[in-house]
Amino acid sequence: MNNVLFVILAIVIAVFIWFWITDPRRSIGEMTGMVEAITVQPSTNGHAGADRTAMVRLADGTLVQASVVTAMPVRSGQRAKVLVSEQMLSGTRTYEVVEAAEPR
């Protein structure tokens, strides 16, 4: 009985470590919205350039903070295509601006 509990605990810990290392995410989809503000901070990952963050008002009225991953210039007032992904363990959603264009 004691060995069975040890094996089950080892399996649970191994699965948790695997999820933590692989950081599994699932794509929720794409949304559109309007860029309300942009912030630029020095790079924290050691790569050249700055880390850009956008505050985006989605079509449903929700205001989200999104990481800007496109190389294109992004400004307030532009339409933005936002990729939404969710971490499988925590359910935390991540928003990334993948495209920006002038409003029609």
PDB file of N, CA and C in Angstrom:
ATOM      1  N   MET A   1       0.826  -1.195   0.000  1.00  0.00           N
ATOM      2  CA  MET A   1       0.000   0.000   0.000  1.00  0.00           C
ATOM      3  C   MET A   1       0.874   1.264   0.000  1.00  0.00           C
ATOM      4  N   ASN A   2       1.931   1.264   0.800  1.00  0.00           N
ATOM      5  CA  ASN A   2       2.825   2.405   0.896  1.00  0.00           C
ATOM      6  C   ASN A   2       3.547   2.642  -0.431  1.00  0.00           C
ATOM      7  N   ASN A   3       3.929   1.558  -1.110  1.00  0.00           N
ATOM      8  CA  ASN A   3       4.597   1.684  -2.409  1.00  0.00           C
ATOM      9  C   ASN A   3       3.669   2.264  -3.469  1.00  0.00           C
ATOM     10  N   VAL A   4       2.394   1.897  -3.417  1.00  0.00           N
ATOM     11  CA  VAL A   4       1.417   2.402  -4.387  1.00  0.00           C
ATOM     12  C   VAL A   4       1.251   3.909  -4.228  1.00  0.00           C
ATOM     13  N   LEU A   5       1.143   4.384  -3.001  1.00  0.00           N
ATOM     14  CA  LEU A   5       1.022   5.822  -2.758  1.00  0.00           C
ATOM     15  C   LEU A   5       2.265   6.562  -3.231  1.00  0.00           C
ATOM     16  N   PHE A   6       3.429   5.980  -3.011  1.00  0.00           N
ATOM     17  CA  PHE A   6       4.673   6.590  -3.464  1.00  0.00           C
ATOM     18  C   PHE A   6       4.710   6.690  -4.991  1.00  0.00           C
ATOM     19  N   VAL A   7       4.284   5.643  -5.691  1.00  0.00           N
ATOM     20  CA  VAL A   7       4.268   5.641  -7.153  1.00  0.00           C
ATOM     21  C   VAL A   7       3.277   6.683  -7.677  1.00  0.00           C
ATOM     22  N   ILE A   8       2.099   6.757  -7.071  1.00  0.00           N
ATOM     23  CA  ILE A   8       1.097   7.745  -7.501  1.00  0.00           C
ATOM     24  C   ILE A   8       1.627   9.166  -7.283  1.00  0.00           C
ATOM     25  N   LEU A   9       2.239   9.412  -6.138  1.00  0.00           N
ATOM     26  CA  LEU A   9       2.818  10.724  -5.863  1.00  0.00           C
ATOM     27  C   LEU A   9       3.928  11.065  -6.856  1.00  0.00           C
ATOM     28  N   ALA A  10       4.760  10.097  -7.191  1.00  0.00           N
ATOM     29  CA  ALA A  10       5.839  10.314  -8.158  1.00  0.00           C
ATOM     30  C   ALA A  10       5.274  10.649  -9.534  1.00  0.00           C
ATOM     31  N   ILE A  11       4.207   9.976  -9.929  1.00  0.00           N
ATOM     32  CA  ILE A  11       3.581  10.250 -11.233  1.00  0.00           C
ATOM     33  C   ILE A  11       2.994  11.658 -11.246  1.00  0.00           C
ATOM     34  N   VAL A  12       2.319  12.045 -10.191  1.00  0.00           N
ATOM     35  CA  VAL A  12       1.719  13.383 -10.117  1.00  0.00           C
ATOM     36  C   VAL A  12       2.814  14.450 -10.187  1.00  0.00           C
ATOM     37  N   ILE A  13       3.893  14.263  -9.473  1.00  0.00           N
ATOM     38  CA  ILE A  13       4.994  15.231  -9.498  1.00  0.00           C
ATOM     39  C   ILE A  13       5.638  15.278 -10.873  1.00  0.00           C
ATOM     40  N   ALA A  14       5.818  14.137 -11.518  1.00  0.00           N
ATOM     41  CA  ALA A  14       6.415  14.103 -12.857  1.00  0.00           C
ATOM     42  C   ALA A  14       5.532  14.828 -13.873  1.00  0.00           C
ATOM     43  N   VAL A  15       4.225  14.627 -13.803  1.00  0.00           N
ATOM     44  CA  VAL A  15       3.303  15.307 -14.728  1.00  0.00           C
ATOM     45  C   VAL A  15       3.330  16.811 -14.480  1.00  0.00           C
ATOM     46  N   PHE A  16       3.340  17.231 -13.212  1.00  0.00           N
ATOM     47  CA  PHE A  16       3.395  18.652 -12.900  1.00  0.00           C
ATOM     48  C   PHE A  16       4.676  19.279 -13.438  1.00  0.00           C
ATOM     49  N   ILE A  17       5.807  18.618 -13.231  1.00  0.00           N
ATOM     50  CA  ILE A  17       7.083  19.134 -13.739  1.00  0.00           C
ATOM     51  C   ILE A  17       7.070  19.196 -15.252  1.00  0.00           C
ATOM     52  N   TRP A  18       6.513  18.200 -15.913  1.00  0.00           N
ATOM     53  CA  TRP A  18       6.434  18.209 -17.383  1.00  0.00           C
ATOM     54  C   TRP A  18       5.604  19.402 -17.865  1.00  0.00           C
ATOM     55  N   PHE A  19       4.437  19.653 -17.231  1.00  0.00           N
ATOM     56  CA  PHE A  19       3.610  20.801 -17.610  1.00  0.00           C
ATOM     57  C   PHE A  19       4.354  22.101 -17.353  1.00  0.00           C
ATOM     58  N   TRP A  20       5.091  22.187 -16.259  1.00  0.00           N
ATOM     59  CA  TRP A  20       5.811  23.409 -15.919  1.00  0.00           C
ATOM     60  C   TRP A  20       6.932  23.679 -16.916  1.00  0.00           C
ATOM     61  N   ILE A  21       7.639  22.650 -17.341  1.00  0.00           N
ATOM     62  CA  ILE A  21       8.745  22.815 -18.284  1.00  0.00           C
ATOM     63  C   ILE A  21       8.241  23.143 -19.681  1.00  0.00           C
ATOM     64  N   THR A  22       7.215  22.449 -20.143  1.00  0.00           N
ATOM     65  CA  THR A  22       6.732  22.647 -21.510  1.00  0.00           C
ATOM     66  C   THR A  22       5.841  23.871 -21.650  1.00  0.00           C
ATOM     67  N   ASP A  23       5.280  24.373 -20.526  1.00  0.00           N
ATOM     68  CA  ASP A  23       4.411  25.545 -20.541  1.00  0.00           C
ATOM     69  C   ASP A  23       3.334  25.421 -21.617  1.00  0.00           C
ATOM     70  N   PRO A  24       2.488  24.400 -21.522  1.00  0.00           N
ATOM     71  CA  PRO A  24       1.492  24.180 -22.572  1.00  0.00           C
ATOM     72  C   PRO A  24       0.439  25.286 -22.615  1.00  0.00           C
ATOM     73  N   ARG A  25       0.183  25.752 -23.791  1.00  0.00           N
ATOM     74  CA  ARG A  25      -0.830  26.783 -24.014  1.00  0.00           C
ATOM     75  C   ARG A  25      -1.733  26.328 -25.144  1.00  0.00           C
ATOM     76  N   ARG A  26      -2.940  26.803 -25.090  1.00  0.00           N
ATOM     77  CA  ARG A  26      -3.847  26.536 -26.201  1.00  0.00           C
ATOM     78  C   ARG A  26      -4.341  27.870 -26.734  1.00  0.00           C
ATOM     79  N   SER A  27      -4.490  27.908 -28.022  1.00  0.00           N
ATOM     80  CA  SER A  27      -4.926  29.141 -28.661  1.00  0.00           C
ATOM     81  C   SER A  27      -6.443  29.259 -28.540  1.00  0.00           C
ATOM     82  N   ILE A  28      -6.898  30.393 -28.032  1.00  0.00           N
ATOM     83  CA  ILE A  28      -8.327  30.666 -27.922  1.00  0.00           C
ATOM     84  C   ILE A  28      -8.839  31.214 -29.257  1.00  0.00           C
ATOM     85  N   GLY A  29      -8.015  32.014 -29.924  1.00  0.00           N
ATOM     86  CA  GLY A  29      -8.408  32.593 -31.200  1.00  0.00           C
ATOM     87  C   GLY A  29      -7.884  34.010 -31.345  1.00  0.00           C
ATOM     88  N   GLU A  30      -8.397  34.692 -32.345  1.00  0.00           N
ATOM     89  CA  GLU A  30      -8.003  36.071 -32.604  1.00  0.00           C
ATOM     90  C   GLU A  30      -9.175  36.994 -32.353  1.00  0.00           C
ATOM     91  N   MET A  31      -8.866  38.184 -31.862  1.00  0.00           N
ATOM     92  CA  MET A  31      -9.874  39.217 -31.622  1.00  0.00           C
ATOM     93  C   MET A  31      -9.356  40.512 -32.219  1.00  0.00           C
ATOM     94  N   THR A  32     -10.242  41.438 -32.435  1.00  0.00           N
ATOM     95  CA  THR A  32      -9.828  42.751 -32.904  1.00  0.00           C
ATOM     96  C   THR A  32     -10.224  43.789 -31.864  1.00  0.00           C
ATOM     97  N   GLY A  33      -9.478  44.880 -31.875  1.00  0.00           N
ATOM     98  CA  GLY A  33      -9.764  45.953 -30.949  1.00  0.00           C
ATOM     99  C   GLY A  33      -9.040  47.219 -31.361  1.00  0.00           C
ATOM    100  N   MET A  34      -9.144  48.229 -30.530  1.00  0.00           N
ATOM    101  CA  MET A  34      -8.541  49.524 -30.788  1.00  0.00           C
ATOM    102  C   MET A  34      -7.429  49.766 -29.766  1.00  0.00           C
ATOM    103  N   VAL A  35      -6.258  50.146 -30.268  1.00  0.00           N
ATOM    104  CA  VAL A  35      -5.125  50.437 -29.389  1.00  0.00           C
ATOM    105  C   VAL A  35      -5.398  51.763 -28.683  1.00  0.00           C
ATOM    106  N   GLU A  36      -5.375  51.746 -27.352  1.00  0.00           N
ATOM    107  CA  GLU A  36      -5.612  52.965 -26.585  1.00  0.00           C
ATOM    108  C   GLU A  36      -4.320  53.597 -26.088  1.00  0.00           C
ATOM    109  N   ALA A  37      -3.292  52.763 -25.825  1.00  0.00           N
ATOM    110  CA  ALA A  37      -2.023  53.296 -25.328  1.00  0.00           C
ATOM    111  C   ALA A  37      -0.915  52.293 -25.595  1.00  0.00           C
ATOM    112  N   ILE A  38       0.309  52.820 -25.691  1.00  0.00           N
ATOM    113  CA  ILE A  38       1.505  51.992 -25.893  1.00  0.00           C
ATOM    114  C   ILE A  38       2.525  52.370 -24.824  1.00  0.00           C
ATOM    115  N   THR A  39       3.160  51.364 -24.238  1.00  0.00           N
ATOM    116  CA  THR A  39       4.281  51.624 -23.333  1.00  0.00           C
ATOM    117  C   THR A  39       5.499  50.903 -23.876  1.00  0.00           C
ATOM    118  N   VAL A  40       6.662  51.504 -23.688  1.00  0.00           N
ATOM    119  CA  VAL A  40       7.919  50.918 -24.151  1.00  0.00           C
ATOM    120  C   VAL A  40       8.865  50.861 -22.964  1.00  0.00           C
ATOM    121  N   GLN A  41       9.416  49.677 -22.720  1.00  0.00           N
ATOM    122  CA  GLN A  41      10.362  49.486 -21.623  1.00  0.00           C
ATOM    123  C   GLN A  41      11.620  48.852 -22.175  1.00  0.00           C
ATOM    124  N   PRO A  42      12.769  49.068 -21.516  1.00  0.00           N
ATOM    125  CA  PRO A  42      13.997  48.401 -21.970  1.00  0.00           C
ATOM    126  C   PRO A  42      13.811  46.887 -21.968  1.00  0.00           C
ATOM    127  N   SER A  43      14.499  46.222 -22.859  1.00  0.00           N
ATOM    128  CA  SER A  43      14.392  44.779 -22.997  1.00  0.00           C
ATOM    129  C   SER A  43      14.794  44.066 -21.719  1.00  0.00           C
ATOM    130  N   THR A  44      13.988  43.083 -21.318  1.00  0.00           N
ATOM    131  CA  THR A  44      14.305  42.281 -20.135  1.00  0.00           C
ATOM    132  C   THR A  44      14.850  40.913 -20.521  1.00  0.00           C
ATOM    133  N   ASN A  45      14.736  40.545 -21.804  1.00  0.00           N
ATOM    134  CA  ASN A  45      15.169  39.218 -22.251  1.00  0.00           C
ATOM    135  C   ASN A  45      16.566  39.229 -22.846  1.00  0.00           C
ATOM    136  N   GLY A  46      17.225  40.359 -22.863  1.00  0.00           N
ATOM    137  CA  GLY A  46      18.566  40.433 -23.409  1.00  0.00           C
ATOM    138  C   GLY A  46      18.614  40.596 -24.913  1.00  0.00           C
ATOM    139  N   HIS A  47      17.456  40.685 -25.579  1.00  0.00           N
ATOM    140  CA  HIS A  47      17.478  40.885 -27.023  1.00  0.00           C
ATOM    141  C   HIS A  47      17.514  42.373 -27.333  1.00  0.00           C
ATOM    142  N   ALA A  48      17.933  42.683 -28.534  1.00  0.00           N
ATOM    143  CA  ALA A  48      18.005  44.087 -28.943  1.00  0.00           C
ATOM    144  C   ALA A  48      16.600  44.653 -29.063  1.00  0.00           C
ATOM    145  N   GLY A  49      16.451  45.898 -28.757  1.00  0.00           N
ATOM    146  CA  GLY A  49      15.154  46.538 -28.871  1.00  0.00           C
ATOM    147  C   GLY A  49      14.451  46.584 -27.531  1.00  0.00           C
ATOM    148  N   ALA A  50      13.277  47.163 -27.549  1.00  0.00           N
ATOM    149  CA  ALA A  50      12.523  47.358 -26.321  1.00  0.00           C
ATOM    150  C   ALA A  50      11.315  46.425 -26.286  1.00  0.00           C
ATOM    151  N   ASP A  51      10.821  46.167 -25.082  1.00  0.00           N
ATOM    152  CA  ASP A  51       9.584  45.411 -24.908  1.00  0.00           C
ATOM    153  C   ASP A  51       8.427  46.401 -24.981  1.00  0.00           C
ATOM    154  N   ARG A  52       7.510  46.154 -25.906  1.00  0.00           N
ATOM    155  CA  ARG A  52       6.371  47.058 -26.070  1.00  0.00           C
ATOM    156  C   ARG A  52       5.105  46.379 -25.558  1.00  0.00           C
ATOM    157  N   THR A  53       4.278  47.164 -24.895  1.00  0.00           N
ATOM    158  CA  THR A  53       3.007  46.694 -24.372  1.00  0.00           C
ATOM    159  C   THR A  53       1.920  47.649 -24.838  1.00  0.00           C
ATOM    160  N   ALA A  54       0.773  47.100 -25.207  1.00  0.00           N
ATOM    161  CA  ALA A  54      -0.339  47.926 -25.671  1.00  0.00           C
ATOM    162  C   ALA A  54      -1.567  47.685 -24.798  1.00  0.00           C
ATOM    163  N   MET A  55      -2.285  48.745 -24.515  1.00  0.00           N
ATOM    164  CA  MET A  55      -3.598  48.627 -23.895  1.00  0.00           C
ATOM    165  C   MET A  55      -4.595  48.637 -25.040  1.00  0.00           C
ATOM    166  N   VAL A  56      -5.357  47.557 -25.164  1.00  0.00           N
ATOM    167  CA  VAL A  56      -6.253  47.383 -26.304  1.00  0.00           C
ATOM    168  C   VAL A  56      -7.679  47.229 -25.797  1.00  0.00           C
ATOM    169  N   ARG A  57      -8.593  48.017 -26.359  1.00  0.00           N
ATOM    170  CA  ARG A  57     -10.019  47.895 -26.065  1.00  0.00           C
ATOM    171  C   ARG A  57     -10.599  46.939 -27.104  1.00  0.00           C
ATOM    172  N   LEU A  58     -11.011  45.751 -26.658  1.00  0.00           N
ATOM    173  CA  LEU A  58     -11.554  44.741 -27.572  1.00  0.00           C
ATOM    174  C   LEU A  58     -12.956  45.126 -28.025  1.00  0.00           C
ATOM    175  N   ALA A  59     -13.443  44.432 -29.028  1.00  0.00           N
ATOM    176  CA  ALA A  59     -14.755  44.745 -29.605  1.00  0.00           C
ATOM    177  C   ALA A  59     -15.876  44.599 -28.584  1.00  0.00           C
ATOM    178  N   ASP A  60     -15.701  43.721 -27.580  1.00  0.00           N
ATOM    179  CA  ASP A  60     -16.746  43.545 -26.565  1.00  0.00           C
ATOM    180  C   ASP A  60     -16.646  44.556 -25.429  1.00  0.00           C
ATOM    181  N   GLY A  61     -15.679  45.501 -25.517  1.00  0.00           N
ATOM    182  CA  GLY A  61     -15.525  46.547 -24.515  1.00  0.00           C
ATOM    183  C   GLY A  61     -14.492  46.251 -23.443  1.00  0.00           C
ATOM    184  N   THR A  62     -13.934  45.058 -23.444  1.00  0.00           N
ATOM    185  CA  THR A  62     -12.930  44.681 -22.456  1.00  0.00           C
ATOM    186  C   THR A  62     -11.604  45.368 -22.752  1.00  0.00           C
ATOM    187  N   LEU A  63     -10.967  45.903 -21.727  1.00  0.00           N
ATOM    188  CA  LEU A  63      -9.654  46.522 -21.859  1.00  0.00           C
ATOM    189  C   LEU A  63      -8.608  45.511 -21.405  1.00  0.00           C
ATOM    190  N   VAL A  64      -7.659  45.174 -22.294  1.00  0.00           N
ATOM    191  CA  VAL A  64      -6.630  44.180 -21.969  1.00  0.00           C
ATOM    192  C   VAL A  64      -5.247  44.766 -22.211  1.00  0.00           C
ATOM    193  N   GLN A  65      -4.270  44.197 -21.521  1.00  0.00           N
ATOM    194  CA  GLN A  65      -2.870  44.547 -21.739  1.00  0.00           C
ATOM    195  C   GLN A  65      -2.271  43.463 -22.613  1.00  0.00           C
ATOM    196  N   ALA A  66      -1.700  43.859 -23.744  1.00  0.00           N
ATOM    197  CA  ALA A  66      -1.178  42.894 -24.715  1.00  0.00           C
ATOM    198  C   ALA A  66       0.275  43.190 -25.029  1.00  0.00           C
ATOM    199  N   SER A  67       1.049  42.143 -25.160  1.00  0.00           N
ATOM    200  CA  SER A  67       2.438  42.278 -25.587  1.00  0.00           C
ATOM    201  C   SER A  67       2.452  42.498 -27.094  1.00  0.00           C
ATOM    202  N   VAL A  68       3.252  43.442 -27.561  1.00  0.00           N
ATOM    203  CA  VAL A  68       3.340  43.718 -28.997  1.00  0.00           C
ATOM    204  C   VAL A  68       4.436  42.830 -29.578  1.00  0.00           C
ATOM    205  N   VAL A  69       4.045  41.888 -30.446  1.00  0.00           N
ATOM    206  CA  VAL A  69       5.015  40.951 -31.023  1.00  0.00           C
ATOM    207  C   VAL A  69       5.292  41.236 -32.494  1.00  0.00           C
ATOM    208  N   THR A  70       4.566  42.154 -33.082  1.00  0.00           N
ATOM    209  CA  THR A  70       4.813  42.522 -34.473  1.00  0.00           C
ATOM    210  C   THR A  70       5.947  43.536 -34.551  1.00  0.00           C
ATOM    211  N   ALA A  71       6.706  43.484 -35.639  1.00  0.00           N
ATOM    212  CA  ALA A  71       7.799  44.441 -35.833  1.00  0.00           C
ATOM    213  C   ALA A  71       7.284  45.778 -36.361  1.00  0.00           C
ATOM    214  N   MET A  72       6.031  45.797 -36.814  1.00  0.00           N
ATOM    215  CA  MET A  72       5.442  47.021 -37.349  1.00  0.00           C
ATOM    216  C   MET A  72       5.267  48.055 -36.238  1.00  0.00           C
ATOM    217  N   PRO A  73       5.327  49.342 -36.589  1.00  0.00           N
ATOM    218  CA  PRO A  73       5.054  50.368 -35.575  1.00  0.00           C
ATOM    219  C   PRO A  73       3.580  50.319 -35.158  1.00  0.00           C
ATOM    220  N   VAL A  74       3.327  50.421 -33.875  1.00  0.00           N
ATOM    221  CA  VAL A  74       1.965  50.393 -33.337  1.00  0.00           C
ATOM    222  C   VAL A  74       1.748  51.690 -32.574  1.00  0.00           C
ATOM    223  N   ARG A  75       0.619  52.363 -32.872  1.00  0.00           N
ATOM    224  CA  ARG A  75       0.306  53.647 -32.247  1.00  0.00           C
ATOM    225  C   ARG A  75      -1.111  53.626 -31.695  1.00  0.00           C
ATOM    226  N   SER A  76      -1.385  54.544 -30.792  1.00  0.00           N
ATOM    227  CA  SER A  76      -2.740  54.718 -30.273  1.00  0.00           C
ATOM    228  C   SER A  76      -3.674  55.063 -31.419  1.00  0.00           C
ATOM    229  N   GLY A  77      -4.880  54.550 -31.371  1.00  0.00           N
ATOM    230  CA  GLY A  77      -5.878  54.835 -32.394  1.00  0.00           C
ATOM    231  C   GLY A  77      -5.907  53.828 -33.531  1.00  0.00           C
ATOM    232  N   GLN A  78      -4.957  52.914 -33.594  1.00  0.00           N
ATOM    233  CA  GLN A  78      -4.939  51.909 -34.654  1.00  0.00           C
ATOM    234  C   GLN A  78      -5.810  50.718 -34.276  1.00  0.00           C
ATOM    235  N   ARG A  79      -6.320  50.041 -35.324  1.00  0.00           N
ATOM    236  CA  ARG A  79      -6.989  48.758 -35.116  1.00  0.00           C
ATOM    237  C   ARG A  79      -5.911  47.712 -34.879  1.00  0.00           C
ATOM    238  N   ALA A  80      -6.171  46.779 -33.984  1.00  0.00           N
ATOM    239  CA  ALA A  80      -5.179  45.744 -33.687  1.00  0.00           C
ATOM    240  C   ALA A  80      -5.813  44.365 -33.770  1.00  0.00           C
ATOM    241  N   LYS A  81      -5.055  43.424 -34.328  1.00  0.00           N
ATOM    242  CA  LYS A  81      -5.451  42.023 -34.295  1.00  0.00           C
ATOM    243  C   LYS A  81      -4.710  41.410 -33.109  1.00  0.00           C
ATOM    244  N   VAL A  82      -5.459  40.816 -32.181  1.00  0.00           N
ATOM    245  CA  VAL A  82      -4.895  40.305 -30.934  1.00  0.00           C
ATOM    246  C   VAL A  82      -5.069  38.785 -30.897  1.00  0.00           C
ATOM    247  N   LEU A  83      -3.960  38.083 -30.692  1.00  0.00           N
ATOM    248  CA  LEU A  83      -3.975  36.634 -30.540  1.00  0.00           C
ATOM    249  C   LEU A  83      -4.136  36.326 -29.055  1.00  0.00           C
ATOM    250  N   VAL A  84      -5.122  35.490 -28.732  1.00  0.00           N
ATOM    251  CA  VAL A  84      -5.409  35.149 -27.338  1.00  0.00           C
ATOM    252  C   VAL A  84      -5.046  33.685 -27.107  1.00  0.00           C
ATOM    253  N   SER A  85      -4.197  33.440 -26.100  1.00  0.00           N
ATOM    254  CA  SER A  85      -3.861  32.065 -25.730  1.00  0.00           C
ATOM    255  C   SER A  85      -4.072  31.900 -24.229  1.00  0.00           C
ATOM    256  N   GLU A  86      -4.237  30.643 -23.809  1.00  0.00           N
ATOM    257  CA  GLU A  86      -4.528  30.359 -22.411  1.00  0.00           C
ATOM    258  C   GLU A  86      -3.620  29.250 -21.916  1.00  0.00           C
ATOM    259  N   GLN A  87      -3.014  29.447 -20.740  1.00  0.00           N
ATOM    260  CA  GLN A  87      -2.202  28.400 -20.153  1.00  0.00           C
ATOM    261  C   GLN A  87      -3.128  27.314 -19.617  1.00  0.00           C
ATOM    262  N   MET A  88      -2.766  26.068 -19.870  1.00  0.00           N
ATOM    263  CA  MET A  88      -3.655  24.969 -19.530  1.00  0.00           C
ATOM    264  C   MET A  88      -3.764  24.740 -18.022  1.00  0.00           C
ATOM    265  N   LEU A  89      -2.696  24.916 -17.273  1.00  0.00           N
ATOM    266  CA  LEU A  89      -2.764  24.654 -15.833  1.00  0.00           C
ATOM    267  C   LEU A  89      -3.472  25.764 -15.073  1.00  0.00           C
ATOM    268  N   SER A  90      -3.092  26.997 -15.301  1.00  0.00           N
ATOM    269  CA  SER A  90      -3.625  28.097 -14.507  1.00  0.00           C
ATOM    270  C   SER A  90      -4.867  28.739 -15.121  1.00  0.00           C
ATOM    271  N   GLY A  91      -5.049  28.594 -16.423  1.00  0.00           N
ATOM    272  CA  GLY A  91      -6.168  29.256 -17.081  1.00  0.00           C
ATOM    273  C   GLY A  91      -5.905  30.721 -17.357  1.00  0.00           C
ATOM    274  N   THR A  92      -4.682  31.189 -17.129  1.00  0.00           N
ATOM    275  CA  THR A  92      -4.319  32.580 -17.362  1.00  0.00           C
ATOM    276  C   THR A  92      -4.286  32.859 -18.859  1.00  0.00           C
ATOM    277  N   ARG A  93      -4.923  33.933 -19.256  1.00  0.00           N
ATOM    278  CA  ARG A  93      -4.931  34.304 -20.675  1.00  0.00           C
ATOM    279  C   ARG A  93      -3.801  35.278 -20.982  1.00  0.00           C
ATOM    280  N   THR A  94      -3.224  35.109 -22.177  1.00  0.00           N
ATOM    281  CA  THR A  94      -2.158  35.965 -22.660  1.00  0.00           C
ATOM    282  C   THR A  94      -2.639  36.618 -23.948  1.00  0.00           C
ATOM    283  N   TYR A  95      -2.406  37.916 -24.073  1.00  0.00           N
ATOM    284  CA  TYR A  95      -2.826  38.664 -25.253  1.00  0.00           C
ATOM    285  C   TYR A  95      -1.592  39.186 -25.965  1.00  0.00           C
ATOM    286  N   GLU A  96      -1.550  39.009 -27.304  1.00  0.00           N
ATOM    287  CA  GLU A  96      -0.419  39.486 -28.102  1.00  0.00           C
ATOM    288  C   GLU A  96      -0.934  40.213 -29.333  1.00  0.00           C
ATOM    289  N   VAL A  97      -0.443  41.434 -29.545  1.00  0.00           N
ATOM    290  CA  VAL A  97      -0.787  42.189 -30.758  1.00  0.00           C
ATOM    291  C   VAL A  97       0.075  41.641 -31.887  1.00  0.00           C
ATOM    292  N   VAL A  98      -0.568  41.065 -32.906  1.00  0.00           N
ATOM    293  CA  VAL A  98       0.167  40.472 -34.017  1.00  0.00           C
ATOM    294  C   VAL A  98       0.089  41.314 -35.285  1.00  0.00           C
ATOM    295  N   GLU A  99      -0.821  42.293 -35.303  1.00  0.00           N
ATOM    296  CA  GLU A  99      -0.971  43.139 -36.483  1.00  0.00           C
ATOM    297  C   GLU A  99      -1.687  44.424 -36.072  1.00  0.00           C
ATOM    298  N   ALA A 100      -1.303  45.532 -36.688  1.00  0.00           N
ATOM    299  CA  ALA A 100      -1.962  46.819 -36.419  1.00  0.00           C
ATOM    300  C   ALA A 100      -2.122  47.557 -37.725  1.00  0.00           C
ATOM    301  N   ALA A 101      -3.241  48.270 -37.863  1.00  0.00           N
ATOM    302  CA  ALA A 101      -3.520  49.034 -39.086  1.00  0.00           C
ATOM    303  C   ALA A 101      -4.330  50.275 -38.717  1.00  0.00           C
ATOM    304  N   GLU A 102      -4.317  51.224 -39.596  1.00  0.00           N
ATOM    305  CA  GLU A 102      -5.100  52.439 -39.390  1.00  0.00           C
ATOM    306  C   GLU A 102      -6.591  52.102 -39.441  1.00  0.00           C
ATOM    307  N   PRO A 103      -7.412  52.779 -38.651  1.00  0.00           N
ATOM    308  CA  PRO A 103      -8.851  52.500 -38.673  1.00  0.00           C
ATOM    309  C   PRO A 103      -9.467  52.887 -40.007  1.00  0.00           C
ATOM    310  N   ARG A 104     -10.527  52.227 -40.357  1.00  0.00           N
ATOM    311  CA  ARG A 104     -11.205  52.502 -41.644  1.00  0.00           C
ATOM    312  C   ARG A 104     -12.083  53.704 -41.558  1.00  0.00           C
TER     313      ARG A 104
END
